[in-house]
């Protein structure tokens, strides 16, 4: 008989399948964002240099912005570091406060009814209206920036936390009751872990808002971050360098959002396994 031995590794090709899948994913992860960037820059070039639809004073050509970025890198890169630090610090403060406020709203219906309308009212006010008042209220330096970041960030974090904690899956809640778990045990083992995916949704919404808040806060601060540079270069008519600073704000936001997404995947590995395989 020429049959294969019983101990032959019949399932040997299966480990190779994930490896091939991983190799197929990697070019898409890098290539698709790069393709999107090429399309956007090409459209930008056509509107400014190719077809001359937009005046350079409104939107400079990409090559002019690139020259300004490389020529003023000694100013803009340190400014990017300052803005990044303000964004991360303000985001962390907003996250801590937002999660605690969301927990308070989820814990008591009365607390929610008392304070939810006030939170909505504060969120509805255009934050730039607070800008001139912040300098008078909290002074110069980091405080106006952190306050602006907090005002822009906290509401989506509060909302996502409260929503996540009040929509615990019924089977998990029933499991906690059947095991006679205390309120704290149920919260720590069931409700909070089940709410984490929803909380991360609020955090990911808040992260770009933190960058916006940091830039707006720097308009009213003496910290020489990217917002300060945008204001200064725009004031002297150096629009390409002002746009270079705006491009760096966008790049900073992408990097911080990607880091937060990676943190979510590392801390919540079960979410991808239990949801759709998109």
C-alpha atoms as a PDB file:
ATOM      1  CA  UNK A   1       0.000   0.000   0.000  1.00  0.00           C
ATOM      2  CA  UNK A   2       1.231   3.446  -0.784  1.00  0.00           C
ATOM      3  CA  UNK A   3      -1.068   5.391   1.571  1.00  0.00           C
ATOM      4  CA  UNK A   4       0.262   8.187   3.742  1.00  0.00           C
ATOM      5  CA  UNK A   5       1.416   7.243   7.236  1.00  0.00           C
ATOM      6  CA  UNK A   6      -1.038   7.750  10.036  1.00  0.00           C
ATOM      7  CA  UNK A   7       1.249  10.249  11.774  1.00  0.00           C
ATOM      8  CA  UNK A   8       1.545  12.505   8.728  1.00  0.00           C
ATOM      9  CA  UNK A   9       0.752  16.145   9.507  1.00  0.00           C
ATOM     10  CA  UNK A  10      -2.514  16.397   7.560  1.00  0.00           C
ATOM     11  CA  UNK A  11      -3.305  19.884   8.894  1.00  0.00           C
ATOM     12  CA  UNK A  12       0.136  21.305   8.026  1.00  0.00           C
ATOM     13  CA  UNK A  13      -1.143  23.913   5.518  1.00  0.00           C
ATOM     14  CA  UNK A  14      -3.407  25.582   8.095  1.00  0.00           C
ATOM     15  CA  UNK A  15      -0.650  27.516   9.957  1.00  0.00           C
ATOM     16  CA  UNK A  16       0.503  28.917   6.626  1.00  0.00           C
ATOM     17  CA  UNK A  17      -2.930  30.328   5.911  1.00  0.00           C
ATOM     18  CA  UNK A  18      -2.825  32.982   8.678  1.00  0.00           C
ATOM     19  CA  UNK A  19       0.701  33.871   7.606  1.00  0.00           C
ATOM     20  CA  UNK A  20      -0.473  34.414   4.033  1.00  0.00           C
ATOM     21  CA  UNK A  21      -3.430  36.393   5.352  1.00  0.00           C
ATOM     22  CA  UNK A  22      -1.143  38.585   7.422  1.00  0.00           C
ATOM     23  CA  UNK A  23       1.095  39.221   4.433  1.00  0.00           C
ATOM     24  CA  UNK A  24      -1.914  40.262   2.386  1.00  0.00           C
ATOM     25  CA  UNK A  25      -3.088  42.688   5.070  1.00  0.00           C
ATOM     26  CA  UNK A  26       0.191  44.552   5.527  1.00  0.00           C
ATOM     27  CA  UNK A  27       0.336  46.195   2.066  1.00  0.00           C
ATOM     28  CA  UNK A  28      -3.281  47.317   2.425  1.00  0.00           C
ATOM     29  CA  UNK A  29      -2.639  48.882   5.839  1.00  0.00           C
ATOM     30  CA  UNK A  30       0.177  51.008   4.430  1.00  0.00           C
ATOM     31  CA  UNK A  31      -0.801  51.224   0.776  1.00  0.00           C
ATOM     32  CA  UNK A  32      -4.399  52.389   1.044  1.00  0.00           C
ATOM     33  CA  UNK A  33      -3.664  55.392   3.304  1.00  0.00           C
ATOM     34  CA  UNK A  34      -0.727  56.259   1.009  1.00  0.00           C
ATOM     35  CA  UNK A  35      -3.028  56.053  -2.018  1.00  0.00           C
ATOM     36  CA  UNK A  36      -5.569  58.299  -0.296  1.00  0.00           C
ATOM     37  CA  UNK A  37      -2.801  60.803   0.484  1.00  0.00           C
ATOM     38  CA  UNK A  38      -1.654  60.781  -3.151  1.00  0.00           C
ATOM     39  CA  UNK A  39      -5.219  61.427  -4.339  1.00  0.00           C
ATOM     40  CA  UNK A  40      -5.704  64.324  -1.907  1.00  0.00           C
ATOM     41  CA  UNK A  41      -2.348  65.942  -2.721  1.00  0.00           C
ATOM     42  CA  UNK A  42      -3.008  65.546  -6.456  1.00  0.00           C
ATOM     43  CA  UNK A  43      -6.419  67.216  -6.114  1.00  0.00           C
ATOM     44  CA  UNK A  44      -4.788  69.939  -3.995  1.00  0.00           C
ATOM     45  CA  UNK A  45      -2.148  70.522  -6.685  1.00  0.00           C
ATOM     46  CA  UNK A  46      -4.758  70.627  -9.460  1.00  0.00           C
ATOM     47  CA  UNK A  47      -6.892  73.187  -7.626  1.00  0.00           C
ATOM     48  CA  UNK A  48      -3.956  75.464  -6.799  1.00  0.00           C
ATOM     49  CA  UNK A  49      -1.247  75.015  -9.455  1.00  0.00           C
ATOM     50  CA  UNK A  50      -2.788  72.999 -12.282  1.00  0.00           C
ATOM     51  CA  UNK A  51      -6.146  74.693 -12.846  1.00  0.00           C
ATOM     52  CA  UNK A  52      -5.554  77.795 -10.646  1.00  0.00           C
ATOM     53  CA  UNK A  53      -9.066  77.506  -9.200  1.00  0.00           C
ATOM     54  CA  UNK A  54      -8.018  78.651  -5.706  1.00  0.00           C
ATOM     55  CA  UNK A  55      -5.871  81.706  -5.060  1.00  0.00           C
ATOM     56  CA  UNK A  56      -2.535  80.982  -3.282  1.00  0.00           C
ATOM     57  CA  UNK A  57      -3.469  83.419  -0.512  1.00  0.00           C
ATOM     58  CA  UNK A  58      -6.430  81.184   0.336  1.00  0.00           C
ATOM     59  CA  UNK A  59      -4.709  77.823  -0.160  1.00  0.00           C
ATOM     60  CA  UNK A  60      -1.031  77.717  -1.190  1.00  0.00           C
ATOM     61  CA  UNK A  61       0.186  75.000  -3.527  1.00  0.00           C
ATOM     62  CA  UNK A  62       1.509  71.809  -1.913  1.00  0.00           C
ATOM     63  CA  UNK A  63       5.038  72.457  -3.142  1.00  0.00           C
ATOM     64  CA  UNK A  64       5.027  75.902  -1.481  1.00  0.00           C
ATOM     65  CA  UNK A  65       3.796  74.383   1.780  1.00  0.00           C
ATOM     66  CA  UNK A  66       6.500  71.696   1.586  1.00  0.00           C
ATOM     67  CA  UNK A  67       9.235  74.294   1.032  1.00  0.00           C
ATOM     68  CA  UNK A  68       7.965  76.300   4.002  1.00  0.00           C
ATOM     69  CA  UNK A  69       7.764  73.162   6.132  1.00  0.00           C
ATOM     70  CA  UNK A  70      11.363  72.164   5.423  1.00  0.00           C
ATOM     71  CA  UNK A  71      12.615  75.750   5.676  1.00  0.00           C
ATOM     72  CA  UNK A  72      10.900  76.412   9.012  1.00  0.00           C
ATOM     73  CA  UNK A  73      11.301  72.940  10.500  1.00  0.00           C
ATOM     74  CA  UNK A  74      13.516  74.324  13.275  1.00  0.00           C
ATOM     75  CA  UNK A  75      10.496  76.347  14.484  1.00  0.00           C
ATOM     76  CA  UNK A  76       7.575  74.103  13.564  1.00  0.00           C
ATOM     77  CA  UNK A  77       8.857  70.770  14.876  1.00  0.00           C
ATOM     78  CA  UNK A  78       9.480  72.045  18.447  1.00  0.00           C
ATOM     79  CA  UNK A  79       6.071  73.735  18.226  1.00  0.00           C
ATOM     80  CA  UNK A  80       4.566  70.388  17.242  1.00  0.00           C
ATOM     81  CA  UNK A  81       6.148  68.830  20.336  1.00  0.00           C
ATOM     82  CA  UNK A  82       4.555  71.482  22.563  1.00  0.00           C
ATOM     83  CA  UNK A  83       1.123  71.050  20.982  1.00  0.00           C
ATOM     84  CA  UNK A  84       1.372  67.257  21.172  1.00  0.00           C
ATOM     85  CA  UNK A  85       2.169  67.403  24.880  1.00  0.00           C
ATOM     86  CA  UNK A  86      -0.712  69.801  25.553  1.00  0.00           C
ATOM     87  CA  UNK A  87      -3.068  67.596  23.532  1.00  0.00           C
ATOM     88  CA  UNK A  88      -2.080  64.383  25.333  1.00  0.00           C
ATOM     89  CA  UNK A  89      -2.139  65.974  28.799  1.00  0.00           C
ATOM     90  CA  UNK A  90      -5.512  67.629  28.234  1.00  0.00           C
ATOM     91  CA  UNK A  91      -6.890  64.412  26.732  1.00  0.00           C
ATOM     92  CA  UNK A  92      -5.794  62.366  29.757  1.00  0.00           C
ATOM     93  CA  UNK A  93      -7.381  64.865  32.162  1.00  0.00           C
ATOM     94  CA  UNK A  94     -10.582  64.912  30.103  1.00  0.00           C
ATOM     95  CA  UNK A  95     -10.649  61.111  29.955  1.00  0.00           C
ATOM     96  CA  UNK A  96     -10.299  60.718  33.719  1.00  0.00           C
ATOM     97  CA  UNK A  97     -12.941  63.350  34.464  1.00  0.00           C
ATOM     98  CA  UNK A  98     -15.258  62.178  31.664  1.00  0.00           C
ATOM     99  CA  UNK A  99     -15.217  58.548  32.782  1.00  0.00           C
ATOM    100  CA  UNK A 100     -15.904  59.539  36.408  1.00  0.00           C
ATOM    101  CA  UNK A 101     -18.771  61.852  35.422  1.00  0.00           C
ATOM    102  CA  UNK A 102     -20.186  59.168  33.115  1.00  0.00           C
ATOM    103  CA  UNK A 103     -20.031  56.643  35.954  1.00  0.00           C
ATOM    104  CA  UNK A 104     -21.914  59.059  38.218  1.00  0.00           C
ATOM    105  CA  UNK A 105     -24.625  59.592  35.592  1.00  0.00           C
ATOM    106  CA  UNK A 106     -24.964  55.840  35.036  1.00  0.00           C
ATOM    107  CA  UNK A 107     -25.120  55.085  38.773  1.00  0.00           C
ATOM    108  CA  UNK A 108     -28.089  57.305  39.576  1.00  0.00           C
ATOM    109  CA  UNK A 109     -31.112  58.307  37.514  1.00  0.00           C
ATOM    110  CA  UNK A 110     -31.560  61.393  39.702  1.00  0.00           C
ATOM    111  CA  UNK A 111     -27.996  62.552  39.112  1.00  0.00           C
ATOM    112  CA  UNK A 112     -28.480  62.073  35.380  1.00  0.00           C
ATOM    113  CA  UNK A 113     -31.697  64.107  35.367  1.00  0.00           C
ATOM    114  CA  UNK A 114     -30.089  66.899  37.401  1.00  0.00           C
ATOM    115  CA  UNK A 115     -26.864  67.340  35.457  1.00  0.00           C
ATOM    116  CA  UNK A 116     -27.359  65.923  31.957  1.00  0.00           C
ATOM    117  CA  UNK A 117     -29.127  69.093  30.665  1.00  0.00           C
ATOM    118  CA  UNK A 118     -26.296  71.244  32.037  1.00  0.00           C
ATOM    119  CA  UNK A 119     -23.682  69.098  30.305  1.00  0.00           C
ATOM    120  CA  UNK A 120     -25.598  69.385  27.026  1.00  0.00           C
ATOM    121  CA  UNK A 121     -25.822  73.166  27.470  1.00  0.00           C
ATOM    122  CA  UNK A 122     -22.069  73.517  28.077  1.00  0.00           C
ATOM    123  CA  UNK A 123     -21.323  71.316  25.088  1.00  0.00           C
ATOM    124  CA  UNK A 124     -23.643  73.347  22.843  1.00  0.00           C
ATOM    125  CA  UNK A 125     -21.801  76.640  23.422  1.00  0.00           C
ATOM    126  CA  UNK A 126     -19.143  77.304  20.715  1.00  0.00           C
ATOM    127  CA  UNK A 127     -15.884  76.816  22.589  1.00  0.00           C
ATOM    128  CA  UNK A 128     -14.077  79.590  20.762  1.00  0.00           C
ATOM    129  CA  UNK A 129     -16.433  81.986  22.564  1.00  0.00           C
ATOM    130  CA  UNK A 130     -14.658  81.043  25.796  1.00  0.00           C
ATOM    131  CA  UNK A 131     -11.226  81.891  24.360  1.00  0.00           C
ATOM    132  CA  UNK A 132     -10.901  85.564  25.376  1.00  0.00           C
ATOM    133  CA  UNK A 133     -12.482  84.796  28.766  1.00  0.00           C
ATOM    134  CA  UNK A 134     -10.002  82.037  29.570  1.00  0.00           C
ATOM    135  CA  UNK A 135      -7.050  84.437  29.667  1.00  0.00           C
ATOM    136  CA  UNK A 136      -8.873  86.581  32.214  1.00  0.00           C
ATOM    137  CA  UNK A 137     -10.145  83.592  34.189  1.00  0.00           C
ATOM    138  CA  UNK A 138      -7.087  81.331  34.347  1.00  0.00           C
ATOM    139  CA  UNK A 139      -4.210  83.498  33.076  1.00  0.00           C
ATOM    140  CA  UNK A 140      -1.495  82.708  30.531  1.00  0.00           C
ATOM    141  CA  UNK A 141       0.519  79.536  30.051  1.00  0.00           C
ATOM    142  CA  UNK A 142      -0.833  76.001  29.967  1.00  0.00           C
ATOM    143  CA  UNK A 143      -4.115  76.612  31.777  1.00  0.00           C
ATOM    144  CA  UNK A 144      -6.097  78.143  28.876  1.00  0.00           C
ATOM    145  CA  UNK A 145      -4.940  75.334  26.563  1.00  0.00           C
ATOM    146  CA  UNK A 146      -5.840  72.539  28.976  1.00  0.00           C
ATOM    147  CA  UNK A 147      -9.177  74.178  29.769  1.00  0.00           C
ATOM    148  CA  UNK A 148     -10.045  74.416  26.072  1.00  0.00           C
ATOM    149  CA  UNK A 149      -9.049  70.785  25.488  1.00  0.00           C
ATOM    150  CA  UNK A 150     -11.182  69.728  28.455  1.00  0.00           C
ATOM    151  CA  UNK A 151     -14.221  71.682  27.251  1.00  0.00           C
ATOM    152  CA  UNK A 152     -14.047  70.077  23.809  1.00  0.00           C
ATOM    153  CA  UNK A 153     -13.238  66.523  24.947  1.00  0.00           C
ATOM    154  CA  UNK A 154     -15.235  65.683  28.010  1.00  0.00           C
ATOM    155  CA  UNK A 155     -18.776  65.430  26.570  1.00  0.00           C
ATOM    156  CA  UNK A 156     -18.271  62.485  24.157  1.00  0.00           C
ATOM    157  CA  UNK A 157     -16.352  60.624  26.866  1.00  0.00           C
ATOM    158  CA  UNK A 158     -19.120  61.236  29.426  1.00  0.00           C
ATOM    159  CA  UNK A 159     -21.797  60.178  26.947  1.00  0.00           C
ATOM    160  CA  UNK A 160     -20.028  57.011  25.817  1.00  0.00           C
ATOM    161  CA  UNK A 161     -19.222  55.977  29.402  1.00  0.00           C
ATOM    162  CA  UNK A 162     -22.786  56.496  30.617  1.00  0.00           C
ATOM    163  CA  UNK A 163     -24.185  54.679  27.572  1.00  0.00           C
ATOM    164  CA  UNK A 164     -21.803  51.752  27.958  1.00  0.00           C
ATOM    165  CA  UNK A 165     -22.532  51.321  31.664  1.00  0.00           C
ATOM    166  CA  UNK A 166     -26.308  51.450  31.196  1.00  0.00           C
ATOM    167  CA  UNK A 167     -26.426  48.989  28.281  1.00  0.00           C
ATOM    168  CA  UNK A 168     -24.797  45.937  29.871  1.00  0.00           C
ATOM    169  CA  UNK A 169     -25.855  42.778  27.959  1.00  0.00           C
ATOM    170  CA  UNK A 170     -28.719  41.088  29.779  1.00  0.00           C
ATOM    171  CA  UNK A 171     -27.042  37.670  29.858  1.00  0.00           C
ATOM    172  CA  UNK A 172     -23.941  39.094  31.582  1.00  0.00           C
ATOM    173  CA  UNK A 173     -26.048  40.970  34.149  1.00  0.00           C
ATOM    174  CA  UNK A 174     -28.055  37.803  34.822  1.00  0.00           C
ATOM    175  CA  UNK A 175     -24.812  35.844  35.271  1.00  0.00           C
ATOM    176  CA  UNK A 176     -23.669  38.300  37.955  1.00  0.00           C
ATOM    177  CA  UNK A 177     -26.990  38.010  39.795  1.00  0.00           C
ATOM    178  CA  UNK A 178     -26.938  34.220  39.618  1.00  0.00           C
ATOM    179  CA  UNK A 179     -23.493  34.193  41.246  1.00  0.00           C
ATOM    180  CA  UNK A 180     -24.709  36.512  44.052  1.00  0.00           C
ATOM    181  CA  UNK A 181     -22.053  39.052  43.136  1.00  0.00           C
ATOM    182  CA  UNK A 182     -21.981  42.336  45.056  1.00  0.00           C
ATOM    183  CA  UNK A 183     -22.513  45.680  43.315  1.00  0.00           C
ATOM    184  CA  UNK A 184     -18.774  46.330  43.221  1.00  0.00           C
ATOM    185  CA  UNK A 185     -17.998  42.836  41.920  1.00  0.00           C
ATOM    186  CA  UNK A 186     -20.644  43.182  39.228  1.00  0.00           C
ATOM    187  CA  UNK A 187     -19.306  46.593  38.260  1.00  0.00           C
ATOM    188  CA  UNK A 188     -15.647  45.491  38.197  1.00  0.00           C
ATOM    189  CA  UNK A 189     -16.114  42.099  36.544  1.00  0.00           C
ATOM    190  CA  UNK A 190     -19.145  42.640  34.302  1.00  0.00           C
ATOM    191  CA  UNK A 191     -20.422  46.170  33.730  1.00  0.00           C
ATOM    192  CA  UNK A 192     -17.166  48.097  33.283  1.00  0.00           C
ATOM    193  CA  UNK A 193     -15.458  45.526  31.006  1.00  0.00           C
ATOM    194  CA  UNK A 194     -18.644  45.324  28.910  1.00  0.00           C
ATOM    195  CA  UNK A 195     -18.691  49.138  28.658  1.00  0.00           C
ATOM    196  CA  UNK A 196     -15.039  49.453  27.544  1.00  0.00           C
ATOM    197  CA  UNK A 197     -15.725  49.151  23.773  1.00  0.00           C
ATOM    198  CA  UNK A 198     -18.284  51.959  24.041  1.00  0.00           C
ATOM    199  CA  UNK A 199     -15.895  54.049  26.168  1.00  0.00           C
ATOM    200  CA  UNK A 200     -13.185  53.679  23.532  1.00  0.00           C
ATOM    201  CA  UNK A 201     -15.643  54.974  20.928  1.00  0.00           C
ATOM    202  CA  UNK A 202     -15.972  58.168  22.971  1.00  0.00           C
ATOM    203  CA  UNK A 203     -12.196  58.375  23.448  1.00  0.00           C
ATOM    204  CA  UNK A 204     -11.609  58.060  19.708  1.00  0.00           C
ATOM    205  CA  UNK A 205     -14.163  60.789  19.029  1.00  0.00           C
ATOM    206  CA  UNK A 206     -12.515  62.996  21.662  1.00  0.00           C
ATOM    207  CA  UNK A 207      -8.906  62.571  20.481  1.00  0.00           C
ATOM    208  CA  UNK A 208      -9.187  64.778  17.339  1.00  0.00           C
ATOM    209  CA  UNK A 209     -11.223  67.251  19.392  1.00  0.00           C
ATOM    210  CA  UNK A 210      -8.325  67.425  21.855  1.00  0.00           C
ATOM    211  CA  UNK A 211      -6.013  68.529  19.037  1.00  0.00           C
ATOM    212  CA  UNK A 212      -8.538  71.180  17.991  1.00  0.00           C
ATOM    213  CA  UNK A 213      -8.832  72.380  21.579  1.00  0.00           C
ATOM    214  CA  UNK A 214      -5.055  72.607  21.984  1.00  0.00           C
ATOM    215  CA  UNK A 215      -4.698  74.707  18.831  1.00  0.00           C
ATOM    216  CA  UNK A 216      -7.564  77.035  19.797  1.00  0.00           C
ATOM    217  CA  UNK A 217      -6.168  77.349  23.322  1.00  0.00           C
ATOM    218  CA  UNK A 218      -2.769  78.326  21.912  1.00  0.00           C
ATOM    219  CA  UNK A 219      -4.430  81.227  20.121  1.00  0.00           C
ATOM    220  CA  UNK A 220      -4.940  82.729  23.583  1.00  0.00           C
ATOM    221  CA  UNK A 221      -1.736  81.555  25.229  1.00  0.00           C
ATOM    222  CA  UNK A 222       1.942  82.439  25.247  1.00  0.00           C
ATOM    223  CA  UNK A 223       2.952  78.799  24.602  1.00  0.00           C
ATOM    224  CA  UNK A 224       4.697  78.717  21.175  1.00  0.00           C
ATOM    225  CA  UNK A 225       2.859  75.645  19.877  1.00  0.00           C
ATOM    226  CA  UNK A 226       1.409  75.111  16.425  1.00  0.00           C
ATOM    227  CA  UNK A 227      -1.674  77.235  17.145  1.00  0.00           C
ATOM    228  CA  UNK A 228       0.573  80.120  18.171  1.00  0.00           C
ATOM    229  CA  UNK A 229       2.657  79.667  15.001  1.00  0.00           C
ATOM    230  CA  UNK A 230      -0.434  79.575  12.771  1.00  0.00           C
ATOM    231  CA  UNK A 231      -1.566  82.878  14.255  1.00  0.00           C
ATOM    232  CA  UNK A 232       1.875  84.501  13.941  1.00  0.00           C
ATOM    233  CA  UNK A 233       2.622  83.414  10.370  1.00  0.00           C
ATOM    234  CA  UNK A 234      -0.895  84.268   9.236  1.00  0.00           C
ATOM    235  CA  UNK A 235      -0.490  87.734  10.796  1.00  0.00           C
ATOM    236  CA  UNK A 236       2.627  88.483   8.745  1.00  0.00           C
ATOM    237  CA  UNK A 237       1.125  87.096   5.530  1.00  0.00           C
ATOM    238  CA  UNK A 238       3.313  83.975   5.377  1.00  0.00           C
ATOM    239  CA  UNK A 239       0.436  81.706   4.376  1.00  0.00           C
ATOM    240  CA  UNK A 240       2.496  78.689   3.180  1.00  0.00           C
ATOM    241  CA  UNK A 241       4.188  78.388   6.596  1.00  0.00           C
ATOM    242  CA  UNK A 242       0.833  78.813   8.357  1.00  0.00           C
ATOM    243  CA  UNK A 243      -0.525  75.968   6.233  1.00  0.00           C
ATOM    244  CA  UNK A 244       2.586  73.905   6.990  1.00  0.00           C
ATOM    245  CA  UNK A 245       1.707  74.240  10.685  1.00  0.00           C
ATOM    246  CA  UNK A 246      -1.862  73.142   9.886  1.00  0.00           C
ATOM    247  CA  UNK A 247      -0.505  70.074   8.061  1.00  0.00           C
ATOM    248  CA  UNK A 248       1.541  69.205  11.162  1.00  0.00           C
ATOM    249  CA  UNK A 249      -1.599  69.484  13.312  1.00  0.00           C
ATOM    250  CA  UNK A 250      -3.286  66.991  10.982  1.00  0.00           C
ATOM    251  CA  UNK A 251      -0.276  64.655  11.115  1.00  0.00           C
ATOM    252  CA  UNK A 252      -0.189  64.851  14.916  1.00  0.00           C
ATOM    253  CA  UNK A 253      -3.895  63.992  15.104  1.00  0.00           C
ATOM    254  CA  UNK A 254      -3.457  60.965  12.835  1.00  0.00           C
ATOM    255  CA  UNK A 255      -0.565  59.636  14.923  1.00  0.00           C
ATOM    256  CA  UNK A 256      -2.397  60.104  18.235  1.00  0.00           C
ATOM    257  CA  UNK A 257      -5.589  58.529  16.894  1.00  0.00           C
ATOM    258  CA  UNK A 258      -3.622  55.564  15.538  1.00  0.00           C
ATOM    259  CA  UNK A 259      -1.889  55.116  18.905  1.00  0.00           C
ATOM    260  CA  UNK A 260      -5.281  55.110  20.657  1.00  0.00           C
ATOM    261  CA  UNK A 261      -6.644  52.561  18.177  1.00  0.00           C
ATOM    262  CA  UNK A 262      -3.614  50.337  18.785  1.00  0.00           C
ATOM    263  CA  UNK A 263      -4.136  50.656  22.544  1.00  0.00           C
ATOM    264  CA  UNK A 264      -7.756  49.577  22.096  1.00  0.00           C
ATOM    265  CA  UNK A 265      -6.706  46.474  20.138  1.00  0.00           C
ATOM    266  CA  UNK A 266      -4.111  45.542  22.749  1.00  0.00           C
ATOM    267  CA  UNK A 267      -6.353  46.048  25.784  1.00  0.00           C
ATOM    268  CA  UNK A 268      -9.588  44.672  24.282  1.00  0.00           C
ATOM    269  CA  UNK A 269      -8.497  41.689  22.169  1.00  0.00           C
ATOM    270  CA  UNK A 270     -11.845  39.950  22.651  1.00  0.00           C
ATOM    271  CA  UNK A 271     -13.792  42.689  20.860  1.00  0.00           C
ATOM    272  CA  UNK A 272     -12.417  41.830  17.418  1.00  0.00           C
ATOM    273  CA  UNK A 273     -12.980  38.120  18.055  1.00  0.00           C
ATOM    274  CA  UNK A 274     -16.618  38.554  19.106  1.00  0.00           C
ATOM    275  CA  UNK A 275     -17.730  41.137  16.529  1.00  0.00           C
ATOM    276  CA  UNK A 276     -17.920  41.204  12.758  1.00  0.00           C
ATOM    277  CA  UNK A 277     -14.712  40.332  10.886  1.00  0.00           C
ATOM    278  CA  UNK A 278     -14.512  43.573   8.915  1.00  0.00           C
END
